[in-house]
Amino acid sequence: MKFGIERFLEDPALRAPLAGRRIALLAHPASVTRDLTHSLDALAALPDVKLTAAFGPQHGLRGDKQDNMVESPDYLDPRLGIPVFSLYGEVRRPTDAMMDTFDVLLVDLQDLGCRIYTFITTLRYVLEAAAQHGKAVWVLDRPNPAGRPVEGLTLREGWESFVGAGPMPMRHGMTMGELGNWFIATLGLTVEYRAITMEGWAPDAAPGFGWPTERTWVNPSPNAANLWMARAYAGTVMLEGTTLSEGRGTTRPLELFGAPGIDARRLIADMRRTTPQWLKGCVLRECFFEPTFHKHAGQLCAGVQIHVEDPTHYDHTAFQPWRLQALAFKALRLQAPDYPLWRDFAYEYEHDRLAIDLINGGPALREWVDDPEASAEELDALAAADEAAWAQARRPYLLY
């Protein structure tokens, strides 16, 4: 198969409309071709593409920042001599001066298929800026490694943030190229837009179910270490809003969770006993780990690893990472009702709302976890309605 960048590089006809126009690239470390050439270098080698600027999202163009809320500066590319602007530094939205450096912005970002992953918010922001300044945006499309399944509550009105780009569920099941069309339609933007589609993407095909397993995985962010993380991420990302470790500081971040002093064996048993239907399609394993940095650094944590590697155990359509993680929170409340679960800190520069609520696009998930009378059926009914509505709403924008 071919990604959008590869089709763009191989076919001069696709590039023809860009003749004489100044080109900028928005990219990150996973913006590579099949032979692992970074897209910026590949584009710079084309004689018919006039590169005048580049942009980096969260974690940077080349991937220099490890954690959330660690900003990247602007700089001059030492090899190409063009400015590289940070959209996760002093600004999140491109400034007028930044927009003046190009005519067409190529967006080549590997997404993880999760609403909270900030690259889709950056896509929204550059589309809005392009509409305002009369610039063009082309998305060089890439696979959604989490595939087509949809899961989670839809972000509620008024809960938009840098980790909440719009009213979609946690696991949206779309590609960046498709999301570009959805943003333009739902925001009412007038902008020259084009998605350079992939060739041969098969989101329903085993074993990758969205990710072509013959392709090299390059971390799109420092803790997105593999396909298994991408599959679990729509659930495990909620751990960022809790006092539980999400495995940062270990070799398997966002595939496991835990903390000192919890009974992980009982946690798994209670999850299986109360709501086994939310644990399908994967295997849960009791584990122990000691983070080298981040939450509980240097402390032994009891925890749970979510295994989705083995194709004999993994069921792509049955696996529900958002419900699984919600159930883990509920089981912890059962084990220790007063456990200080919710982490109160400035999350993505928001100071007046709990991180767990920002992550979920509203307070409903947290309220369900904290209500001892709330049943799994109640949360399931809320989420199922949102999921069905989104599956219908996204349909006109699907390209594959």
Protein backbone atom coordinates (compact mmCIF):
# COMPACT_ATOMS: atom_id res chain seq x y z
CA MET A 1 0.00 0.00 0.00
CA LYS A 2 0.97 3.64 -0.27
CA PHE A 3 0.52 6.52 2.15
CA GLY A 4 -0.45 9.98 0.93
CA ILE A 5 3.12 11.25 1.08
CA GLU A 6 4.32 8.44 -1.17
CA ARG A 7 1.67 9.08 -3.80
CA PHE A 8 2.49 12.79 -3.67
CA LEU A 9 6.20 12.13 -4.14
CA GLU A 10 5.73 9.61 -6.96
CA ASP A 11 3.11 11.38 -9.08
CA PRO A 12 4.04 14.77 -10.60
CA ALA A 13 0.43 15.22 -11.68
CA LEU A 14 -0.63 15.39 -8.03
CA ARG A 15 1.91 18.16 -7.45
CA ALA A 16 1.09 20.11 -10.61
CA PRO A 17 -1.47 22.44 -8.95
CA LEU A 18 1.30 23.63 -6.62
CA ALA A 19 3.48 25.06 -9.39
CA GLY A 20 4.82 28.48 -8.43
CA ARG A 21 3.30 28.36 -4.96
CA ARG A 22 5.18 28.54 -1.67
CA ILE A 23 4.86 25.29 0.30
CA ALA A 24 5.02 24.63 4.04
CA LEU A 25 4.92 21.27 5.80
CA LEU A 26 3.33 20.39 9.14
CA ALA A 27 4.93 17.15 10.32
CA HIS A 28 6.38 15.20 13.23
CA PRO A 29 8.80 12.26 13.76
CA ALA A 30 6.48 9.65 12.22
CA SER A 31 6.15 11.70 9.04
CA VAL A 32 8.34 9.34 7.06
CA THR A 33 8.23 7.51 3.74
CA ARG A 34 8.43 3.75 3.43
CA ASP A 35 12.22 3.91 3.34
CA LEU A 36 12.07 6.05 6.54
CA THR A 37 13.10 9.32 4.93
CA HIS A 38 11.49 12.19 6.82
CA SER A 39 8.85 13.93 4.73
CA LEU A 40 10.57 17.29 5.05
CA ASP A 41 13.75 15.88 3.53
CA ALA A 42 11.81 14.01 0.83
CA LEU A 43 9.91 17.14 -0.19
CA ALA A 44 13.07 19.25 -0.15
CA ALA A 45 14.57 16.88 -2.74
CA LEU A 46 11.78 17.58 -5.25
CA PRO A 47 12.80 20.21 -7.82
CA ASP A 48 9.18 21.29 -8.41
CA VAL A 49 8.32 21.96 -4.73
CA LYS A 50 9.35 25.29 -3.26
CA LEU A 51 9.59 24.74 0.51
CA THR A 52 9.53 28.00 2.45
CA ALA A 53 8.58 26.93 6.00
CA ALA A 54 7.81 23.99 8.26
CA PHE A 55 5.65 23.53 11.34
CA GLY A 56 5.89 21.16 14.27
CA PRO A 57 2.97 20.13 16.52
CA GLN A 58 3.18 18.90 20.13
CA HIS A 59 6.52 17.13 20.78
CA GLY A 60 8.14 18.92 17.83
CA LEU A 61 8.86 18.45 14.13
CA ARG A 62 11.66 15.98 14.79
CA GLY A 63 10.35 14.79 18.16
CA ASP A 64 12.41 16.58 20.77
CA LYS A 65 10.05 16.77 23.75
CA GLN A 66 9.14 13.81 25.95
CA ASP A 67 6.11 14.85 28.01
CA ASN A 68 2.90 16.86 27.76
CA MET A 69 3.14 20.61 28.38
CA VAL A 70 6.82 20.69 27.39
CA GLU A 71 7.04 23.32 24.70
CA SER A 72 9.13 23.45 21.53
CA PRO A 73 10.73 26.68 20.28
CA ASP A 74 10.83 28.11 16.77
CA TYR A 75 14.14 27.63 14.97
CA LEU A 76 15.87 27.73 11.60
CA ASP A 77 16.34 24.35 9.95
CA PRO A 78 20.14 23.95 9.78
CA ARG A 79 20.11 22.00 6.51
CA LEU A 80 17.33 23.67 4.57
CA GLY A 81 17.60 27.19 5.95
CA ILE A 82 13.83 27.57 6.32
CA PRO A 83 11.99 28.63 9.49
CA VAL A 84 10.44 25.88 11.59
CA PHE A 85 7.51 27.21 13.60
CA SER A 86 6.26 25.54 16.75
CA LEU A 87 2.52 25.09 17.21
CA TYR A 88 3.18 23.87 20.73
CA GLY A 89 5.28 26.69 22.10
CA GLU A 90 4.31 30.31 22.59
CA VAL A 91 1.23 29.67 20.41
CA ARG A 92 -1.10 26.81 19.57
CA ARG A 93 -2.58 28.51 16.51
CA PRO A 94 -0.40 29.84 13.66
CA THR A 95 0.14 33.59 13.80
CA ASP A 96 -0.38 36.02 10.93
CA ALA A 97 3.38 36.16 10.42
CA MET A 98 3.60 32.38 10.21
CA MET A 99 0.75 32.25 7.70
CA ASP A 100 2.52 34.82 5.51
CA THR A 101 5.40 32.41 4.84
CA PHE A 102 3.49 30.03 2.56
CA ASP A 103 0.61 29.59 0.11
CA VAL A 104 -0.14 25.89 0.63
CA LEU A 105 0.31 23.90 3.84
CA LEU A 106 0.92 20.17 3.48
CA VAL A 107 -0.15 18.27 6.60
CA ASP A 108 1.55 14.91 7.09
CA LEU A 109 0.75 13.75 10.63
CA GLN A 110 0.35 10.19 11.87
CA ASP A 111 -2.69 10.14 14.17
CA LEU A 112 -3.71 7.49 16.73
CA GLY A 113 -7.45 7.66 16.12
CA CYS A 114 -8.29 9.23 19.48
CA ARG A 115 -10.01 12.58 20.10
CA ILE A 116 -7.55 13.61 22.78
CA TYR A 117 -4.49 13.19 20.55
CA THR A 118 -3.62 16.82 19.92
CA PHE A 119 -2.60 16.51 16.27
CA ILE A 120 -6.25 16.60 15.21
CA THR A 121 -6.77 19.80 17.21
CA THR A 122 -3.77 21.30 15.43
CA LEU A 123 -5.37 20.27 12.13
CA ARG A 124 -8.52 22.15 13.11
CA TYR A 125 -6.52 25.24 14.07
CA VAL A 126 -4.56 25.38 10.80
CA LEU A 127 -7.75 24.90 8.77
CA GLU A 128 -9.36 27.81 10.59
CA ALA A 129 -6.27 29.97 10.02
CA ALA A 130 -6.15 28.97 6.34
CA ALA A 131 -9.78 29.98 5.89
CA GLN A 132 -9.06 33.33 7.51
CA HIS A 133 -5.94 34.02 5.44
CA GLY A 134 -6.98 32.53 2.11
CA LYS A 135 -4.41 29.74 2.22
CA ALA A 136 -4.72 26.14 1.02
CA VAL A 137 -4.37 22.99 3.13
CA TRP A 138 -3.58 19.57 1.71
CA VAL A 139 -3.56 16.53 3.98
CA LEU A 140 -1.21 13.74 2.96
CA ASP A 141 -3.29 10.97 4.45
CA ARG A 142 -2.06 8.20 6.73
CA PRO A 143 -3.71 5.16 8.36
CA ASN A 144 -5.74 5.32 11.53
CA PRO A 145 -4.00 2.50 13.44
CA ALA A 146 -7.03 2.02 15.70
CA GLY A 147 -9.16 1.32 12.62
CA ARG A 148 -12.83 2.10 12.10
CA PRO A 149 -14.49 1.16 15.45
CA VAL A 150 -16.15 3.99 17.38
CA GLU A 151 -16.26 4.24 21.16
CA GLY A 152 -16.86 6.69 23.98
CA LEU A 153 -18.94 9.68 24.91
CA THR A 154 -19.18 12.60 22.50
CA LEU A 155 -17.54 15.82 23.67
CA ARG A 156 -20.24 18.09 25.06
CA GLU A 157 -20.76 21.69 23.99
CA GLY A 158 -18.54 24.05 25.94
CA TRP A 159 -15.92 21.39 26.65
CA GLU A 160 -13.72 22.12 23.64
CA SER A 161 -10.01 22.33 24.49
CA PHE A 162 -6.63 21.47 23.02
CA VAL A 163 -7.46 17.82 23.85
CA GLY A 164 -11.02 18.19 22.60
CA ALA A 165 -11.19 19.44 19.02
CA GLY A 166 -14.92 18.97 18.52
CA PRO A 167 -18.06 16.90 19.12
CA MET A 168 -16.75 13.43 18.39
CA PRO A 169 -16.38 10.35 20.62
CA MET A 170 -13.06 9.32 22.15
CA ARG A 171 -12.34 6.75 19.43
CA HIS A 172 -13.44 8.42 16.19
CA GLY A 173 -12.42 5.86 13.57
CA MET A 174 -11.40 8.38 10.89
CA THR A 175 -8.19 9.37 9.13
CA MET A 176 -6.70 12.86 9.17
CA GLY A 177 -7.78 13.41 5.58
CA GLU A 178 -11.35 12.51 6.47
CA LEU A 179 -11.31 14.65 9.60
CA GLY A 180 -10.21 17.62 7.52
CA ASN A 181 -13.40 17.37 5.48
CA TRP A 182 -15.46 16.93 8.66
CA PHE A 183 -13.94 20.01 10.31
CA ILE A 184 -14.54 22.14 7.24
CA ALA A 185 -18.19 21.07 7.06
CA THR A 186 -19.01 21.30 10.76
CA LEU A 187 -17.18 24.60 11.29
CA GLY A 188 -18.55 26.14 8.10
CA LEU A 189 -15.11 26.97 6.73
CA THR A 190 -14.36 28.16 3.21
CA VAL A 191 -10.88 26.90 2.40
CA GLU A 192 -9.04 25.29 -0.49
CA TYR A 193 -8.65 21.75 0.82
CA ARG A 194 -7.49 18.47 -0.61
CA ALA A 195 -6.79 15.06 0.87
CA ILE A 196 -4.14 13.05 -0.96
CA THR A 197 -5.60 9.64 -0.24
CA MET A 198 -3.81 6.40 0.51
CA GLU A 199 -3.74 3.54 -1.91
CA GLY A 200 -4.71 0.09 -0.65
CA TRP A 201 -5.64 0.94 2.95
CA ALA A 202 -7.68 -1.92 4.44
CA PRO A 203 -8.96 -0.85 7.88
CA ASP A 204 -11.01 -4.01 8.41
CA ALA A 205 -8.32 -6.49 7.42
CA ALA A 206 -6.35 -8.69 9.84
CA PRO A 207 -3.85 -8.61 11.35
CA GLY A 208 -3.42 -4.83 11.47
CA PHE A 209 -7.06 -3.65 11.34
CA GLY A 210 -6.01 -0.17 10.27
CA TRP A 211 -2.24 -0.39 10.51
CA PRO A 212 -0.39 -2.14 7.64
CA THR A 213 1.85 -4.41 9.70
CA GLU A 214 4.43 -4.66 6.93
CA ARG A 215 5.23 -0.99 7.57
CA THR A 216 7.76 0.24 10.12
CA TRP A 217 6.20 1.84 13.19
CA VAL A 218 7.77 5.19 14.11
CA ASN A 219 6.55 6.80 17.34
CA PRO A 220 4.29 9.75 16.44
CA SER A 221 4.82 10.92 20.03
CA PRO A 222 7.44 9.69 22.50
CA ASN A 223 5.10 7.35 24.41
CA ALA A 224 3.29 5.96 21.36
CA ALA A 225 5.67 3.03 21.15
CA ASN A 226 3.73 0.51 19.06
CA LEU A 227 0.45 -0.60 17.53
CA TRP A 228 -0.68 -2.19 20.79
CA MET A 229 -0.51 1.16 22.55
CA ALA A 230 -2.55 2.72 19.74
CA ARG A 231 -5.25 0.07 20.18
CA ALA A 232 -5.50 0.65 23.94
CA TYR A 233 -5.01 4.42 23.89
CA ALA A 234 -8.68 5.47 23.70
CA GLY A 235 -8.99 3.98 27.19
CA THR A 236 -5.56 4.31 28.75
CA VAL A 237 -5.29 8.01 27.89
CA MET A 238 -7.85 8.62 30.65
CA LEU A 239 -5.16 7.60 33.13
CA GLU A 240 -3.53 10.97 32.50
CA GLY A 241 -6.36 12.49 34.51
CA THR A 242 -5.83 10.15 37.45
CA THR A 243 -3.24 9.45 40.14
CA LEU A 244 -2.65 6.01 38.64
CA SER A 245 0.47 5.55 36.55
CA GLU A 246 -0.18 5.05 32.84
CA GLY A 247 3.24 3.47 32.52
CA ARG A 248 5.23 6.56 31.59
CA GLY A 249 8.72 5.81 32.74
CA THR A 250 8.39 2.15 31.71
CA THR A 251 8.95 0.44 28.37
CA ARG A 252 5.20 -0.12 27.80
CA PRO A 253 3.53 3.26 28.41
CA LEU A 254 -0.23 3.48 27.94
CA GLU A 255 -0.57 -0.28 27.69
CA LEU A 256 -0.64 -0.76 31.45
CA PHE A 257 -1.71 1.04 34.60
CA GLY A 258 -1.21 0.76 38.33
CA ALA A 259 -0.05 2.34 41.57
CA PRO A 260 1.60 1.40 44.86
CA GLY A 261 -0.67 -0.37 47.29
CA ILE A 262 -3.55 -1.45 45.07
CA ASP A 263 -4.66 -5.07 44.79
CA ALA A 264 -4.37 -5.69 41.05
CA ARG A 265 -5.46 -9.31 41.26
CA ARG A 266 -8.67 -8.33 43.03
CA LEU A 267 -9.15 -5.46 40.58
CA ILE A 268 -9.10 -7.83 37.60
CA ALA A 269 -11.35 -10.32 39.41
CA ASP A 270 -13.91 -7.62 40.23
CA MET A 271 -13.89 -6.37 36.65
CA ARG A 272 -14.51 -9.88 35.35
CA ARG A 273 -17.19 -10.56 37.95
CA THR A 274 -19.21 -7.37 37.53
CA THR A 275 -18.98 -6.51 33.81
CA PRO A 276 -17.29 -9.24 31.75
CA GLN A 277 -18.88 -7.98 28.54
CA TRP A 278 -16.55 -4.96 28.62
CA LEU A 279 -13.42 -7.10 28.68
CA LYS A 280 -13.80 -8.90 25.38
CA GLY A 281 -11.17 -9.00 22.68
CA CYS A 282 -8.08 -8.76 24.90
CA VAL A 283 -6.26 -10.38 27.81
CA LEU A 284 -5.63 -8.67 31.15
CA ARG A 285 -2.54 -9.64 33.11
CA GLU A 286 -1.54 -8.73 36.64
CA CYS A 287 1.89 -7.10 36.57
CA PHE A 288 4.36 -5.10 38.65
CA PHE A 289 6.47 -2.19 37.46
CA GLU A 290 8.64 0.64 38.74
CA PRO A 291 8.48 3.86 36.70
CA THR A 292 11.83 5.56 36.22
CA PHE A 293 10.11 8.96 35.88
CA HIS A 294 6.66 10.58 36.03
CA LYS A 295 4.00 9.34 38.48
CA HIS A 296 5.24 7.05 41.27
CA ALA A 297 8.82 7.23 39.98
CA GLY A 298 11.06 4.76 41.79
CA GLN A 299 8.13 3.05 43.54
CA LEU A 300 6.89 -0.49 42.98
CA CYS A 301 3.45 -0.37 41.39
CA ALA A 302 0.95 -3.20 41.24
CA GLY A 303 -0.95 -3.00 38.02
CA VAL A 304 -2.67 -4.43 34.99
CA GLN A 305 -1.37 -4.78 31.44
CA ILE A 306 -3.83 -4.83 28.56
CA HIS A 307 -2.63 -7.35 25.96
CA VAL A 308 -3.84 -7.02 22.37
CA GLU A 309 -0.77 -8.42 20.59
CA ASP A 310 -1.73 -12.08 20.09
CA PRO A 311 -4.12 -12.45 17.14
CA THR A 312 -5.63 -15.55 18.75
CA HIS A 313 -6.78 -13.38 21.69
CA TYR A 314 -7.34 -9.99 20.08
CA ASP A 315 -10.78 -9.32 18.61
CA HIS A 316 -10.77 -5.94 16.88
CA THR A 317 -14.53 -5.45 16.78
CA ALA A 318 -15.11 -6.71 20.33
CA PHE A 319 -12.29 -4.80 22.06
CA GLN A 320 -13.58 -1.73 23.92
CA PRO A 321 -10.65 0.08 25.56
CA TRP A 322 -12.68 3.07 26.79
CA ARG A 323 -15.18 0.87 28.61
CA LEU A 324 -12.41 -1.36 29.93
CA GLN A 325 -10.57 1.55 31.51
CA ALA A 326 -13.79 3.03 32.89
CA LEU A 327 -14.51 -0.33 34.48
CA ALA A 328 -11.04 -0.39 36.06
CA PHE A 329 -11.78 2.94 37.72
CA LYS A 330 -15.12 1.60 38.94
CA ALA A 331 -13.48 -1.54 40.34
CA LEU A 332 -10.91 0.57 42.18
CA ARG A 333 -13.75 2.55 43.76
CA LEU A 334 -15.23 -0.78 44.89
CA GLN A 335 -11.88 -1.85 46.35
CA ALA A 336 -11.08 1.50 47.99
CA PRO A 337 -14.03 3.96 47.98
CA ASP A 338 -11.92 6.87 49.26
CA TYR A 339 -8.96 6.33 46.92
CA PRO A 340 -7.73 9.74 45.65
CA LEU A 341 -8.26 8.75 42.03
CA TRP A 342 -8.73 12.04 40.21
CA ARG A 343 -5.60 14.09 39.68
CA ASP A 344 -6.15 17.82 40.23
CA PHE A 345 -3.52 19.70 38.21
CA ALA A 346 -3.20 22.04 35.24
CA TYR A 347 -3.80 19.78 32.25
CA GLU A 348 -2.93 21.17 28.83
CA TYR A 349 -2.99 24.67 30.33
CA GLU A 350 -6.55 24.36 31.66
CA HIS A 351 -6.72 25.39 35.31
CA ASP A 352 -10.42 25.48 36.17
CA ARG A 353 -11.61 22.02 35.09
CA LEU A 354 -10.53 18.56 36.19
CA ALA A 355 -8.26 16.78 33.74
CA ILE A 356 -10.47 13.68 33.66
CA ASP A 357 -13.40 15.85 32.55
CA LEU A 358 -11.37 17.61 29.86
CA ILE A 359 -10.22 14.24 28.57
CA ASN A 360 -13.78 12.93 28.38
CA GLY A 361 -15.32 16.13 27.04
CA GLY A 362 -17.55 16.53 30.09
CA PRO A 363 -18.05 15.18 33.63
CA ALA A 364 -20.28 12.20 32.84
CA LEU A 365 -17.58 9.50 33.05
CA ARG A 366 -16.20 10.76 36.37
CA GLU A 367 -19.70 11.09 37.84
CA TRP A 368 -20.49 7.53 36.80
CA VAL A 369 -17.32 6.19 38.42
CA ASP A 370 -17.97 8.09 41.65
CA ASP A 371 -21.65 7.11 41.95
CA PRO A 372 -21.82 3.75 43.77
CA GLU A 373 -25.37 3.23 42.51
CA ALA A 374 -24.56 3.85 38.84
CA SER A 375 -24.62 0.67 36.77
CA ALA A 376 -22.63 -0.41 33.75
CA GLU A 377 -25.86 -0.41 31.77
CA GLU A 378 -26.33 3.31 32.42
CA LEU A 379 -22.93 4.29 31.07
CA ASP A 380 -23.32 1.85 28.21
CA ALA A 381 -26.64 3.44 27.20
CA LEU A 382 -25.13 6.94 27.22
CA ALA A 383 -22.13 5.92 25.17
CA ALA A 384 -24.04 3.69 22.75
CA ALA A 385 -26.33 6.57 21.77
CA ASP A 386 -23.33 8.82 21.10
CA GLU A 387 -21.51 6.10 19.17
CA ALA A 388 -24.49 5.39 16.92
CA ALA A 389 -24.97 9.09 16.21
CA TRP A 390 -21.29 9.53 15.33
CA ALA A 391 -21.22 6.48 13.06
CA GLN A 392 -24.02 8.11 11.08
CA ALA A 393 -22.57 11.64 11.17
CA ARG A 394 -19.12 10.66 9.92
CA ARG A 395 -20.39 8.58 7.01
CA PRO A 396 -20.42 11.35 4.35
CA TYR A 397 -16.75 12.12 5.06
CA LEU A 398 -15.26 8.63 4.80
CA LEU A 399 -12.81 8.27 1.91
CA TYR A 400 -12.13 4.53 2.11
